[in-house]
Each structure stands twice: as structure tokens, then as C-alpha cells.
Amino acid sequence: MLKAAIATPDGKQLWDDHFGQAPFYLICEFDGKQWIKGEMRENPLAVEGKHAHPDEIRQILPDCAIFAARDMGKKSRRILEESGVMTFLREVGTVEEIISLLPSSEALPI
């Protein structure tokens, strides 16, 4: 099943900073018709000021094909996309807004 990880501080708002610094990731699954909210996964790397390496984040989110956030470093984004993870960056405020914008599985290059 296709999964997306959304960077969030609380499961409601989109995280304001880089994806790797988010305290939590809301995991959503695409059921073939729509995105369904699932578990909240804590980010043990969310230490103030620490920029997690993409490989470290992939260890926390190995089952997710999409990483959604407001911001992500260019180098991290390139590394993730080269490894098959779609980065989905949007200037929105809420988790609900970004879920409504996530692509369907048919729209993905994976």
C-alpha cells in the first residue's frame, strides 16, 4: 500500500521548518481512492538545530514513498528522490490541506 509521511508538530498543522527536524510524521495510506490518516510516528532525530541526513530519516520511514512538508534542504531532496522517494513540498498550513493535494498512486513515477 502506498504511504506518505507528513511532517507535523501535532498531527494538525504542517511543520514550519525542514522535514527532517519535524517532531512527528503523520503516516497516511492511499486506499486506491483516497488518502487515509494513520499513525503518528515520533522523530527521535528531532533535536533542536539538528539536520538529519536523508538516510537517517529513511530508517524512521522505510515504508513511505512520499515525504510531504513545507520545506526540505535541496541536497536532502536530491538524495531522497534519487533513492525513489517522492518529495512533496507545499506552502500550506494544515495537514488536511496537504492531504488534499497529495497525488494518487496513478500520478506517481514510482
C-alpha atoms as a PDB file:
ATOM      1  CA  MET A   1       0.000   0.000   0.000  1.00  0.00           C
ATOM      2  CA  LEU A   2       1.263   3.479  -0.899  1.00  0.00           C
ATOM      3  CA  LYS A   3       2.185   5.574   2.155  1.00  0.00           C
ATOM      4  CA  ALA A   4       3.077   9.233   2.693  1.00  0.00           C
ATOM      5  CA  ALA A   5       4.788  10.794   5.701  1.00  0.00           C
ATOM      6  CA  ILE A   6       3.690  14.342   6.543  1.00  0.00           C
ATOM      7  CA  ALA A   7       5.927  16.494   8.753  1.00  0.00           C
ATOM      8  CA  THR A   8       3.901  17.871  11.664  1.00  0.00           C
ATOM      9  CA  PRO A   9       4.284  19.180  15.214  1.00  0.00           C
ATOM     10  CA  ASP A  10       0.852  17.938  16.331  1.00  0.00           C
ATOM     11  CA  GLY A  11      -0.978  15.972  13.633  1.00  0.00           C
ATOM     12  CA  LYS A  12      -2.966  19.057  12.618  1.00  0.00           C
ATOM     13  CA  GLN A  13      -0.528  21.696  11.417  1.00  0.00           C
ATOM     14  CA  LEU A  14       2.189  21.280   8.826  1.00  0.00           C
ATOM     15  CA  TRP A  15       5.683  21.606  10.337  1.00  0.00           C
ATOM     16  CA  ASP A  16       7.150  25.096   9.707  1.00  0.00           C
ATOM     17  CA  ASP A  17      10.749  24.013   9.143  1.00  0.00           C
ATOM     18  CA  HIS A  18      12.741  21.290   7.359  1.00  0.00           C
ATOM     19  CA  PHE A  19      11.196  17.838   7.038  1.00  0.00           C
ATOM     20  CA  GLY A  20      13.993  16.109   8.988  1.00  0.00           C
ATOM     21  CA  GLN A  21      13.512  18.367  12.019  1.00  0.00           C
ATOM     22  CA  ALA A  22       9.796  17.672  12.490  1.00  0.00           C
ATOM     23  CA  PRO A  23       8.885  16.198  15.889  1.00  0.00           C
ATOM     24  CA  PHE A  24       6.341  13.829  14.294  1.00  0.00           C
ATOM     25  CA  TYR A  25       5.305  12.345  10.979  1.00  0.00           C
ATOM     26  CA  LEU A  26       1.671  11.594  10.258  1.00  0.00           C
ATOM     27  CA  ILE A  27       1.577   8.453   8.140  1.00  0.00           C
ATOM     28  CA  CYS A  28      -1.189   8.380   5.534  1.00  0.00           C
ATOM     29  CA  GLU A  29      -2.139   5.482   3.269  1.00  0.00           C
ATOM     30  CA  PHE A  30      -3.699   5.617  -0.174  1.00  0.00           C
ATOM     31  CA  ASP A  31      -6.525   3.048  -0.289  1.00  0.00           C
ATOM     32  CA  GLY A  32      -6.965   3.251  -4.054  1.00  0.00           C
ATOM     33  CA  LYS A  33      -9.460   6.102  -3.868  1.00  0.00           C
ATOM     34  CA  GLN A  34      -8.329   8.498  -1.148  1.00  0.00           C
ATOM     35  CA  TRP A  35      -5.672   9.221   1.436  1.00  0.00           C
ATOM     36  CA  ILE A  36      -6.464   7.908   4.936  1.00  0.00           C
ATOM     37  CA  LYS A  37      -4.779   9.283   8.071  1.00  0.00           C
ATOM     38  CA  GLY A  38      -2.973   6.646  10.116  1.00  0.00           C
ATOM     39  CA  GLU A  39      -0.394   6.540  12.854  1.00  0.00           C
ATOM     40  CA  MET A  40       1.722   9.360  14.256  1.00  0.00           C
ATOM     41  CA  ARG A  41       5.398   8.424  14.235  1.00  0.00           C
ATOM     42  CA  GLU A  42       7.783  10.242  16.551  1.00  0.00           C
ATOM     43  CA  ASN A  43      11.034  11.530  15.068  1.00  0.00           C
ATOM     44  CA  PRO A  44      13.834  10.596  17.510  1.00  0.00           C
ATOM     45  CA  LEU A  45      16.192  12.799  15.469  1.00  0.00           C
ATOM     46  CA  ALA A  46      14.180  15.966  16.159  1.00  0.00           C
ATOM     47  CA  VAL A  47      16.835  17.672  18.223  1.00  0.00           C
ATOM     48  CA  GLU A  48      16.812  21.451  18.117  1.00  0.00           C
ATOM     49  CA  GLY A  49      19.017  22.611  15.265  1.00  0.00           C
ATOM     50  CA  LYS A  50      19.982  19.120  14.055  1.00  0.00           C
ATOM     51  CA  HIS A  51      19.697  18.481  10.342  1.00  0.00           C
ATOM     52  CA  ALA A  52      19.060  14.758   9.947  1.00  0.00           C
ATOM     53  CA  HIS A  53      20.659  13.014   6.986  1.00  0.00           C
ATOM     54  CA  PRO A  54      18.179  11.535   4.480  1.00  0.00           C
ATOM     55  CA  ASP A  55      19.420   8.007   5.259  1.00  0.00           C
ATOM     56  CA  GLU A  56      18.557   8.533   8.927  1.00  0.00           C
ATOM     57  CA  ILE A  57      15.049   9.703   8.044  1.00  0.00           C
ATOM     58  CA  ARG A  58      14.571   6.727   5.709  1.00  0.00           C
ATOM     59  CA  GLN A  59      15.291   4.445   8.672  1.00  0.00           C
ATOM     60  CA  ILE A  60      12.355   6.027  10.539  1.00  0.00           C
ATOM     61  CA  LEU A  61      10.093   5.988   7.462  1.00  0.00           C
ATOM     62  CA  PRO A  62      11.165   2.913   5.449  1.00  0.00           C
ATOM     63  CA  ASP A  63       7.607   2.159   4.324  1.00  0.00           C
ATOM     64  CA  CYS A  64       6.830   5.653   2.972  1.00  0.00           C
ATOM     65  CA  ALA A  65       7.175   6.514  -0.717  1.00  0.00           C
ATOM     66  CA  ILE A  66       6.251  10.205  -0.290  1.00  0.00           C
ATOM     67  CA  PHE A  67       7.685  12.721   2.165  1.00  0.00           C
ATOM     68  CA  ALA A  68       5.430  15.790   2.434  1.00  0.00           C
ATOM     69  CA  ALA A  69       6.422  19.054   4.075  1.00  0.00           C
ATOM     70  CA  ARG A  70       6.665  22.793   3.736  1.00  0.00           C
ATOM     71  CA  ASP A  71      10.464  22.781   3.369  1.00  0.00           C
ATOM     72  CA  MET A  72      13.408  20.444   2.805  1.00  0.00           C
ATOM     73  CA  GLY A  73      17.062  21.024   2.041  1.00  0.00           C
ATOM     74  CA  LYS A  74      17.984  20.850  -1.663  1.00  0.00           C
ATOM     75  CA  LYS A  75      20.693  18.241  -1.109  1.00  0.00           C
ATOM     76  CA  SER A  76      18.392  16.063   1.021  1.00  0.00           C
ATOM     77  CA  ARG A  77      15.647  16.342  -1.555  1.00  0.00           C
ATOM     78  CA  ARG A  78      18.009  15.261  -4.347  1.00  0.00           C
ATOM     79  CA  ILE A  79      19.295  12.279  -2.333  1.00  0.00           C
ATOM     80  CA  LEU A  80      15.768  11.154  -1.456  1.00  0.00           C
ATOM     81  CA  GLU A  81      14.457  11.479  -4.994  1.00  0.00           C
ATOM     82  CA  GLU A  82      17.451   9.574  -6.374  1.00  0.00           C
ATOM     83  CA  SER A  83      16.621   6.765  -3.927  1.00  0.00           C
ATOM     84  CA  GLY A  84      12.994   6.602  -5.101  1.00  0.00           C
ATOM     85  CA  VAL A  85      11.243   8.771  -2.509  1.00  0.00           C
ATOM     86  CA  MET A  86       8.960  11.483  -3.887  1.00  0.00           C
ATOM     87  CA  THR A  87       9.349  14.791  -2.054  1.00  0.00           C
ATOM     88  CA  PHE A  88       6.135  16.785  -1.948  1.00  0.00           C
ATOM     89  CA  LEU A  89       6.635  20.374  -0.795  1.00  0.00           C
ATOM     90  CA  ARG A  90       3.766  22.833  -0.483  1.00  0.00           C
ATOM     91  CA  GLU A  91       3.240  26.174   1.242  1.00  0.00           C
ATOM     92  CA  VAL A  92       0.116  25.206   3.160  1.00  0.00           C
ATOM     93  CA  GLY A  93      -0.708  25.419   6.846  1.00  0.00           C
ATOM     94  CA  THR A  94      -2.576  22.287   7.783  1.00  0.00           C
ATOM     95  CA  VAL A  95      -2.196  18.561   7.431  1.00  0.00           C
ATOM     96  CA  GLU A  96      -5.691  18.397   5.910  1.00  0.00           C
ATOM     97  CA  GLU A  97      -4.628  20.841   3.181  1.00  0.00           C
ATOM     98  CA  ILE A  98      -1.557  18.836   2.229  1.00  0.00           C
ATOM     99  CA  ILE A  99      -3.513  15.558   2.277  1.00  0.00           C
ATOM    100  CA  SER A 100      -5.988  17.067  -0.192  1.00  0.00           C
ATOM    101  CA  LEU A 101      -3.072  17.882  -2.529  1.00  0.00           C
ATOM    102  CA  LEU A 102      -1.225  14.532  -2.371  1.00  0.00           C
ATOM    103  CA  PRO A 103      -1.117  12.745  -5.724  1.00  0.00           C
ATOM    104  CA  SER A 104      -2.910   9.478  -6.347  1.00  0.00           C
ATOM    105  CA  SER A 105      -0.812   6.395  -6.994  1.00  0.00           C
ATOM    106  CA  GLU A 106      -1.505   6.680 -10.730  1.00  0.00           C
ATOM    107  CA  ALA A 107       0.135  10.112 -10.793  1.00  0.00           C
ATOM    108  CA  LEU A 108       3.370   8.887  -9.236  1.00  0.00           C
ATOM    109  CA  PRO A 109       6.511   7.944 -11.143  1.00  0.00           C
ATOM    110  CA  ILE A 110       7.146   5.021  -8.763  1.00  0.00           C
END
